[in-house]
Protein backbone atom coordinates (compact mmCIF):
# COMPACT_ATOMS: atom_id res chain seq x y z
CA MET A 1 -18.94 26.11 21.30
CA ALA A 2 -15.43 25.07 22.26
CA SER A 3 -13.46 28.28 23.40
CA ASP A 4 -10.47 29.53 21.22
CA THR A 5 -8.06 28.80 24.00
CA ASP A 6 -8.70 25.18 24.46
CA CYS A 7 -9.67 24.27 20.76
CA PHE A 8 -7.42 23.62 17.89
CA ASP A 9 -8.27 24.61 14.41
CA VAL A 10 -7.25 21.13 13.30
CA ILE A 11 -5.73 17.84 14.79
CA VAL A 12 -4.01 15.56 12.53
CA VAL A 13 -3.96 11.91 13.45
CA GLY A 14 -0.83 10.13 11.98
CA ALA A 15 2.59 11.17 11.20
CA GLY A 16 3.37 9.46 8.00
CA TRP A 17 3.79 11.03 4.76
CA ALA A 18 -0.08 12.11 4.46
CA GLY A 19 -0.19 13.50 7.93
CA LEU A 20 3.31 15.32 7.76
CA GLY A 21 2.17 16.78 4.08
CA ALA A 22 -1.34 17.87 5.63
CA SER A 23 0.54 19.55 8.56
CA HIS A 24 2.99 21.28 5.96
CA TYR A 25 -0.02 23.10 4.16
CA LEU A 26 -2.01 23.71 7.61
CA THR A 27 1.10 25.53 8.69
CA ARG A 28 1.40 27.57 5.51
CA ALA A 29 -2.33 28.38 5.90
CA GLY A 30 -1.87 29.93 9.38
CA LEU A 31 -4.03 27.10 11.22
CA ARG A 32 -3.33 26.21 14.69
CA HIS A 33 -2.90 22.39 14.63
CA ARG A 34 -1.07 19.39 16.18
CA VAL A 35 -0.07 16.03 14.62
CA LEU A 36 -0.59 13.34 17.00
CA GLU A 37 1.34 9.91 16.42
CA ARG A 38 0.70 6.84 18.26
CA CYS A 39 4.62 6.09 18.22
CA ARG A 40 7.21 7.47 16.14
CA ILE A 41 7.16 9.33 12.93
CA GLY A 42 6.40 6.75 10.24
CA GLU A 43 5.58 4.16 12.45
CA THR A 44 3.82 1.90 9.88
CA TRP A 45 7.04 2.14 7.70
CA ARG A 46 9.10 1.28 10.51
CA THR A 47 7.40 -1.76 11.73
CA GLN A 48 5.22 -3.07 8.92
CA ARG A 49 8.12 -3.49 6.15
CA TRP A 50 10.42 -6.13 5.43
CA ASP A 51 14.29 -5.71 5.73
CA ALA A 52 14.88 -5.58 1.72
CA PHE A 53 11.69 -3.62 1.12
CA ARG A 54 12.12 -0.42 -1.28
CA LEU A 55 9.49 2.04 -2.21
CA ASN A 56 7.82 1.52 -5.60
CA THR A 57 8.14 5.00 -6.81
CA PRO A 58 11.76 6.07 -7.80
CA ASN A 59 13.65 8.64 -5.96
CA TRP A 60 12.79 11.53 -8.40
CA GLY A 61 9.04 11.05 -7.28
CA SER A 62 9.75 10.16 -3.68
CA VAL A 63 9.91 13.73 -2.15
CA MET A 64 7.63 15.72 0.35
CA PRO A 65 5.93 19.00 -0.60
CA GLY A 66 8.50 21.75 -1.46
CA ASP A 67 11.22 19.40 -1.81
CA GLU A 68 13.17 17.83 -4.86
CA TYR A 69 15.33 14.85 -5.12
CA ASP A 70 18.99 16.02 -5.53
CA GLY A 71 20.84 12.64 -5.08
CA PRO A 72 23.21 10.74 -7.45
CA ASP A 73 20.14 8.02 -8.26
CA PRO A 74 17.05 9.79 -9.26
CA ASP A 75 15.92 6.35 -10.87
CA GLY A 76 16.84 4.48 -7.84
CA PHE A 77 14.35 3.32 -4.99
CA MET A 78 14.71 4.45 -1.28
CA THR A 79 14.95 1.73 1.57
CA ARG A 80 12.44 1.39 4.22
CA ASP A 81 15.05 3.38 6.66
CA GLU A 82 15.83 5.87 4.07
CA PHE A 83 12.07 6.79 3.85
CA VAL A 84 11.64 7.14 7.54
CA ALA A 85 14.79 9.46 7.66
CA LEU A 86 13.04 11.49 4.86
CA LEU A 87 9.90 11.82 6.82
CA GLU A 88 11.78 12.96 10.11
CA GLY A 89 14.06 15.21 8.24
CA PHE A 90 10.91 16.87 6.77
CA ALA A 91 9.22 17.44 10.11
CA ALA A 92 12.27 18.76 11.41
CA ARG A 93 13.06 21.18 8.79
CA ASN A 94 9.52 22.70 8.70
CA CYS A 95 9.24 22.64 12.45
CA LEU A 96 5.78 20.82 12.14
CA PRO A 97 3.92 20.45 15.70
CA VAL A 98 4.21 16.67 15.71
CA GLU A 99 3.57 15.01 19.17
CA THR A 100 4.94 11.32 19.34
CA ASN A 101 3.88 8.74 21.53
CA THR A 102 0.38 10.24 21.42
CA PRO A 103 -2.02 7.76 20.41
CA VAL A 104 -5.74 8.50 19.95
CA SER A 105 -7.78 5.94 21.92
CA GLU A 106 -11.22 7.60 20.74
CA LEU A 107 -12.63 10.14 18.53
CA SER A 108 -15.98 11.60 19.13
CA LEU A 109 -18.07 14.49 18.20
CA ASP A 110 -19.46 16.70 20.71
CA GLU A 111 -22.32 18.35 18.84
CA ALA A 112 -23.24 20.63 21.70
CA ARG A 113 -19.71 22.12 21.80
CA GLY A 114 -19.47 21.99 18.16
CA ALA A 115 -16.01 20.27 18.42
CA TYR A 116 -14.47 17.07 18.21
CA ARG A 117 -12.83 15.24 21.18
CA LEU A 118 -9.79 13.15 20.85
CA GLU A 119 -8.87 11.08 23.90
CA THR A 120 -5.04 10.49 24.31
CA PRO A 121 -2.91 9.07 27.44
CA GLN A 122 -1.93 12.69 28.17
CA GLY A 123 -5.64 13.83 28.41
CA ALA A 124 -8.48 14.92 25.97
CA LEU A 125 -7.81 17.43 23.18
CA TRP A 126 -10.33 19.32 21.16
CA ALA A 127 -10.47 20.54 17.56
CA ARG A 128 -12.93 21.98 15.06
CA ASN A 129 -11.53 19.67 12.30
CA VAL A 130 -9.82 16.34 12.28
CA VAL A 131 -7.74 14.96 9.45
CA ILE A 132 -7.42 11.21 9.88
CA ALA A 133 -4.11 10.26 8.14
CA SER A 134 -3.44 7.00 10.28
CA GLY A 135 -3.42 5.10 6.96
CA SER A 136 -5.76 2.80 5.26
CA LEU A 137 -3.42 -0.32 4.61
CA ASN A 138 -2.17 -1.13 8.01
CA ARG A 139 -4.24 -3.83 9.19
CA PRO A 140 -3.83 -7.34 7.35
CA ARG A 141 -6.58 -9.09 5.99
CA ARG A 142 -6.78 -12.91 6.28
CA PRO A 143 -9.47 -15.13 4.98
CA ALA A 144 -11.56 -17.21 7.69
CA VAL A 145 -9.97 -20.40 6.47
CA THR A 146 -6.62 -19.19 8.01
CA ARG A 147 -7.93 -21.23 11.21
CA ALA A 148 -8.07 -24.52 9.44
CA LEU A 149 -4.38 -24.64 8.64
CA PRO A 150 -2.29 -27.10 10.28
CA LEU A 151 -1.26 -25.75 14.10
CA ASP A 152 2.53 -26.60 13.60
CA LEU A 153 2.64 -24.01 10.72
CA LEU A 154 3.83 -20.68 11.39
CA GLN A 155 1.51 -18.00 9.94
CA LEU A 156 2.66 -14.59 9.03
CA ASP A 157 1.21 -11.54 7.65
CA ALA A 158 3.31 -9.57 4.93
CA SER A 159 3.43 -6.83 7.45
CA ASP A 160 5.14 -9.29 10.09
CA TYR A 161 7.76 -10.71 7.58
CA ARG A 162 11.21 -9.36 7.90
CA ASN A 163 13.83 -11.85 6.11
CA PRO A 164 14.36 -15.30 4.97
CA ALA A 165 16.59 -16.15 8.08
CA VAL A 166 13.88 -15.39 10.87
CA LEU A 167 11.81 -18.29 9.47
CA PRO A 168 12.06 -21.94 10.57
CA ALA A 169 13.81 -24.08 8.42
CA GLY A 170 11.42 -25.84 5.75
CA ALA A 171 9.40 -24.74 2.67
CA VAL A 172 7.41 -21.31 2.61
CA LEU A 173 3.81 -20.97 0.91
CA VAL A 174 3.35 -17.10 0.11
CA ILE A 175 -0.49 -16.90 -0.48
CA GLY A 176 -1.19 -13.88 -2.54
CA SER A 177 0.89 -12.67 -5.86
CA ALA A 178 0.36 -8.79 -5.89
CA GLN A 179 3.13 -6.58 -5.03
CA CYS A 180 3.79 -7.86 -1.48
CA GLY A 181 3.53 -11.45 -2.60
CA GLY A 182 5.68 -11.38 -5.52
CA GLN A 183 8.38 -9.07 -3.97
CA ILE A 184 8.28 -11.42 -0.77
CA ALA A 185 8.45 -14.73 -2.78
CA GLU A 186 11.62 -13.22 -4.75
CA ASP A 187 13.45 -12.33 -1.62
CA LEU A 188 13.01 -15.89 -0.18
CA ALA A 189 13.96 -17.44 -3.46
CA GLN A 190 16.82 -15.30 -3.64
CA ALA A 191 18.10 -16.48 -0.21
CA GLY A 192 17.64 -20.19 -1.30
CA ARG A 193 14.54 -21.09 0.30
CA ARG A 194 12.05 -23.44 -1.35
CA VAL A 195 9.03 -21.31 -2.11
CA PHE A 196 5.46 -21.98 -3.26
CA LEU A 197 3.35 -19.02 -4.52
CA ALA A 198 -0.40 -19.23 -4.57
CA THR A 199 -1.45 -16.96 -7.42
CA GLY A 200 -4.40 -14.92 -8.01
CA ARG A 201 -5.98 -12.69 -10.71
CA VAL A 202 -3.43 -9.91 -10.59
CA GLY A 203 -2.22 -7.57 -13.37
CA ARG A 204 1.46 -6.90 -13.89
CA MET A 205 3.64 -3.78 -14.98
CA PRO A 206 7.01 -3.81 -16.42
CA ARG A 207 9.36 -1.74 -14.34
CA ARG A 208 10.69 0.23 -17.28
CA TYR A 209 9.34 0.57 -20.90
CA ARG A 210 10.59 2.31 -23.89
CA GLY A 211 13.32 4.09 -21.86
CA ARG A 212 11.59 5.43 -18.84
CA ASP A 213 10.43 3.97 -15.45
CA MET A 214 6.75 2.77 -15.64
CA VAL A 215 5.73 5.58 -12.99
CA PHE A 216 6.80 8.16 -15.25
CA TRP A 217 4.46 6.88 -18.02
CA LEU A 218 1.64 6.36 -15.62
CA ARG A 219 2.01 9.87 -14.49
CA ARG A 220 2.61 11.45 -17.84
CA SER A 221 0.00 9.77 -19.83
CA GLY A 222 -2.84 10.34 -17.44
CA LEU A 223 -3.31 6.71 -16.34
CA PHE A 224 -2.59 7.75 -12.58
CA ASP A 225 -5.42 10.52 -12.92
CA VAL A 226 -8.25 8.17 -13.86
CA PRO A 227 -11.08 9.30 -11.34
CA ARG A 228 -12.02 6.65 -8.60
CA LYS A 229 -15.64 6.69 -10.30
CA ASP A 230 -14.15 5.11 -13.43
CA PHE A 231 -12.50 1.97 -11.98
CA VAL A 232 -14.81 0.99 -9.32
CA ASP A 233 -17.17 -1.74 -10.19
CA PRO A 234 -20.89 -1.66 -9.29
CA SER A 235 -20.33 -3.70 -6.22
CA GLY A 236 -17.78 -1.00 -4.94
CA ARG A 237 -14.84 -3.43 -5.52
CA ILE A 238 -11.42 -2.03 -6.66
CA MET A 239 -8.88 -3.97 -8.61
CA GLY A 240 -5.89 -3.91 -6.54
CA ARG A 241 -2.60 -2.52 -7.94
CA PRO A 242 -0.64 -4.52 -10.13
CA LEU A 243 2.60 -6.68 -9.50
CA LEU A 244 5.51 -4.25 -9.83
CA GLY A 245 9.10 -5.18 -8.93
CA VAL A 246 11.51 -2.67 -7.41
CA GLY A 247 14.50 -1.96 -9.73
CA HIS A 248 13.44 -4.73 -12.23
CA THR A 249 10.37 -6.36 -13.64
CA VAL A 250 8.86 -9.27 -11.54
CA SER A 251 6.57 -11.45 -13.26
CA LEU A 252 4.99 -14.90 -12.23
CA GLN A 253 7.38 -16.27 -15.15
CA SER A 254 10.64 -14.72 -13.89
CA LEU A 255 9.79 -16.09 -10.36
CA SER A 256 9.39 -19.62 -11.47
CA ALA A 257 12.75 -19.30 -13.42
CA GLN A 258 14.13 -18.44 -10.10
CA GLY A 259 12.71 -21.79 -8.52
CA VAL A 260 9.40 -20.42 -7.10
CA VAL A 261 6.86 -23.26 -7.56
CA LEU A 262 3.63 -21.58 -9.06
CA LEU A 263 0.18 -22.77 -7.66
CA GLY A 264 -3.27 -21.73 -8.47
CA ARG A 265 -5.57 -19.66 -6.07
CA PHE A 266 -5.46 -21.12 -2.44
CA THR A 267 -9.07 -22.25 -1.85
CA GLY A 268 -8.93 -23.98 1.49
CA VAL A 269 -7.89 -27.19 3.82
CA LYS A 270 -8.87 -30.76 3.48
CA ASP A 271 -8.62 -33.10 6.47
CA GLY A 272 -6.66 -30.56 8.49
CA GLN A 273 -3.54 -31.22 6.52
CA CYS A 274 -3.83 -30.86 2.79
CA LEU A 275 -3.80 -27.55 1.34
CA ILE A 276 -6.08 -27.09 -1.73
CA PHE A 277 -5.62 -24.83 -4.89
CA ALA A 278 -7.66 -24.10 -7.86
CA ALA A 279 -6.69 -25.13 -11.48
CA ASP A 280 -6.26 -21.53 -12.65
CA LEU A 281 -2.60 -21.03 -12.63
CA GLU A 282 -2.31 -20.55 -16.42
CA GLU A 283 -5.29 -18.29 -16.39
CA ASN A 284 -3.83 -16.31 -13.77
CA LEU A 285 -0.45 -16.31 -15.79
CA ARG A 286 -2.42 -15.06 -18.89
CA PHE A 287 -4.17 -12.29 -16.84
CA GLY A 288 -0.78 -10.72 -15.93
CA ASP A 289 0.41 -10.82 -19.33
CA GLU A 290 -2.69 -9.19 -20.78
CA ALA A 291 -2.43 -6.51 -18.11
CA SER A 292 1.17 -5.75 -19.06
CA GLY A 293 0.30 -5.59 -22.69
CA GLN A 294 -2.68 -3.18 -22.09
CA PHE A 295 -0.38 -0.95 -20.25
CA LYS A 296 2.23 -1.18 -23.06
CA ARG A 297 -0.39 -0.14 -25.75
CA HIS A 298 -1.77 2.62 -23.93
CA ILE A 299 2.00 4.04 -23.63
CA ASP A 300 2.60 3.35 -27.31
CA ALA A 301 -0.70 5.21 -28.11
CA TYR A 302 0.23 8.13 -25.92
CA ILE A 303 3.81 8.29 -27.13
CA ALA A 304 2.31 8.58 -30.84
CA ARG A 305 -0.16 10.93 -30.17
CA GLU A 306 2.15 13.54 -28.49
CA GLY A 307 4.87 12.96 -30.95
CA ILE A 308 7.59 11.85 -28.18
CA ASN A 309 10.86 10.66 -29.11
CA ALA A 310 11.00 7.56 -27.21
CA PRO A 311 13.34 4.39 -27.87
CA ALA A 312 11.61 1.70 -29.56
CA ALA A 313 10.15 -1.24 -27.51
CA GLU A 314 12.30 -3.97 -26.61
CA ASP A 315 11.42 -7.51 -25.32
CA ASN A 316 11.75 -7.70 -21.36
CA PRO A 317 13.39 -10.92 -20.40
CA ASP A 318 11.69 -11.13 -17.18
CA GLU A 319 8.37 -11.14 -19.20
CA THR A 320 9.49 -13.22 -21.93
CA VAL A 321 11.08 -16.11 -20.00
CA ALA A 322 9.16 -19.24 -20.31
CA PRO A 323 7.52 -20.27 -17.14
CA ARG A 324 8.62 -23.50 -15.29
CA LEU A 325 5.22 -24.98 -14.25
CA PRO A 326 4.53 -27.96 -12.33
CA ASP A 327 3.57 -30.80 -14.75
CA PRO A 328 1.01 -31.93 -13.55
CA PRO A 329 -0.42 -28.97 -11.96
CA ILE A 330 -0.13 -29.08 -8.17
CA LEU A 331 -3.73 -28.85 -6.73
CA SER A 332 -3.04 -30.18 -3.16
CA LEU A 333 -0.16 -29.74 -0.94
CA ASP A 334 0.32 -32.04 2.00
CA ALA A 335 1.97 -29.46 4.49
CA SER A 336 3.95 -32.61 6.14
CA GLU A 337 5.19 -34.35 3.13
CA CYS A 338 6.20 -31.00 1.20
CA GLY A 339 8.19 -29.89 4.29
CA LEU A 340 6.13 -26.91 4.54
CA ALA A 341 7.03 -24.88 7.81
CA SER A 342 5.51 -21.15 7.37
CA VAL A 343 2.84 -19.34 5.60
CA ILE A 344 2.87 -15.90 4.63
CA TRP A 345 -0.30 -14.32 4.13
CA CYS A 346 -0.29 -11.54 1.27
CA THR A 347 -4.08 -11.14 0.91
CA GLY A 348 -4.31 -7.35 1.36
CA PHE A 349 -4.73 -4.51 3.84
CA GLU A 350 -7.15 -2.24 5.19
CA GLY A 351 -7.33 0.56 7.63
CA ASP A 352 -7.68 0.21 11.53
CA PHE A 353 -10.17 2.90 12.28
CA GLY A 354 -11.83 1.11 15.55
CA TRP A 355 -11.13 4.29 17.54
CA VAL A 356 -13.32 6.42 15.27
CA LYS A 357 -16.65 6.71 17.01
CA VAL A 358 -18.16 9.32 14.91
CA PRO A 359 -21.78 8.20 13.71
CA GLY A 360 -21.70 7.80 9.89
CA ALA A 361 -17.91 8.22 9.54
CA LEU A 362 -17.44 4.31 8.80
CA ASP A 363 -19.11 1.96 6.70
CA ALA A 364 -20.28 -1.54 7.62
CA ARG A 365 -16.72 -2.81 7.36
CA GLY A 366 -15.16 -0.15 9.56
CA GLN A 367 -13.78 1.78 6.47
CA PRO A 368 -14.12 5.58 5.69
CA VAL A 369 -17.22 6.93 4.26
CA HIS A 370 -16.16 9.89 2.25
CA GLN A 371 -15.86 11.53 -1.16
CA GLU A 372 -12.29 12.41 -2.18
CA GLY A 373 -11.24 12.43 1.47
CA VAL A 374 -14.21 14.31 2.77
CA ALA A 375 -16.48 12.92 5.23
CA GLU A 376 -20.13 13.41 5.50
CA ARG A 377 -19.81 14.97 9.00
CA SER A 378 -18.71 18.54 8.67
CA GLY A 379 -15.04 19.08 9.81
CA LEU A 380 -13.88 15.39 9.35
CA TYR A 381 -11.38 14.35 6.79
CA PHE A 382 -9.49 11.49 5.56
CA ALA A 383 -5.76 12.00 4.23
CA GLY A 384 -3.62 9.51 2.06
CA LEU A 385 -6.52 6.78 1.34
CA ASP A 386 -5.65 4.37 -1.20
CA PHE A 387 -7.75 5.19 -4.44
CA ALA A 388 -9.55 7.99 -2.65
CA SER A 389 -9.98 10.34 -5.71
CA THR A 390 -7.61 8.65 -8.68
CA ARG A 391 -5.40 5.89 -9.17
CA LYS A 392 -2.66 8.06 -7.88
CA SER A 393 -4.47 8.33 -4.51
CA GLY A 394 -2.44 6.79 -1.59
CA THR A 395 0.84 7.08 -3.23
CA LEU A 396 3.32 9.91 -2.42
CA LEU A 397 2.50 11.28 -5.86
CA SER A 398 -0.79 12.55 -4.88
CA LEU A 399 0.25 14.62 -1.95
CA THR A 400 0.53 17.92 -3.45
CA GLU A 401 -2.82 17.75 -5.19
CA GLU A 402 -4.81 16.04 -2.46
CA ALA A 403 -3.69 17.63 0.83
CA PRO A 404 -4.05 21.35 -0.39
CA ARG A 405 -7.60 20.47 -1.54
CA LEU A 406 -8.52 19.11 1.99
CA ILE A 407 -6.77 22.17 3.61
CA SER A 408 -9.01 24.44 1.18
CA HIS A 409 -12.08 22.63 2.32
CA ILE A 410 -11.42 23.34 5.83
CA LEU A 411 -10.79 26.99 5.10
CA ALA A 412 -13.89 27.21 3.21
């Protein structure tokens, strides 16, 4: 067994909101621990968000444990840099034991010592428990067909996009119409770029409804608290989060009204130059409309059931505007003929856990095996995973519930 002098009670890997939140509760519990951060506090937020990015959660909900928002704009939305400053301030005020520029290259379990070994550039560290809070959405996913696209096209992932000015002159194809895709397409359109958007079967929510931000209703009505088991299909697939604009509603219709050319789902490349799209654009538009309607009906029923005095529902111009659809539908694009210069992949993210070498900790896809953040291996935990426990998991609103639960498990 590792001795008390050279073995921490807990080591947290990652100093984003999940890692700092775990450290906060570990400090309150009196557990000897360290937070190891590969670079700077909030590194993923610094380096994998575009310049105009803002949090989707209003300021009133974008707070760390024990904090309250006391600024002038509770219904506003923090910028990328404001959120990084919030994280840095939280760590400093609470004197959290964060070691920056300390990447973990390998995590292993020494069963003979009964402790976990973490390899860093400064040497090995030992801990009885490890909380992995390095993020489950920091490695972009691209389909294999990306290699078939014309070689002269600049291909970027959403995490590499910064602003329209850094892209070469010419049209831009955004592939994927969930939150990143919709918001990036709008960022480009507002800069005057010609934008094509390959859509998919993605839900949509209005930004505000019946006098409140949608996040308020999601939390208040219980939609955010739906347990994971109730929205995972038999194959283990989870429908991604719906398209939600920041500060206003973003819909496929509203994007088309801004000049974005809507396409169906991207399906492949023909003859090395022609990009092919499915004939499902109208179906994708309808799916978004139906999802928005379902959210509204749920909230209407909740308001009626609880007797809440809320304003009557009003039409949202961003949802009721008539879509401007290509006629006939565009089923193929010749990259050269349409002046296409860039492709931005907004096709989802996963976690980068290749450094975790603990048997049974990861599945065949290299993603965590866990139950509500608790791994099968004793002493191993995952914090901040998307949809780990409920629909709220993976958002800042889950922190004050899920982090204390993990720390209680450690103390048990």
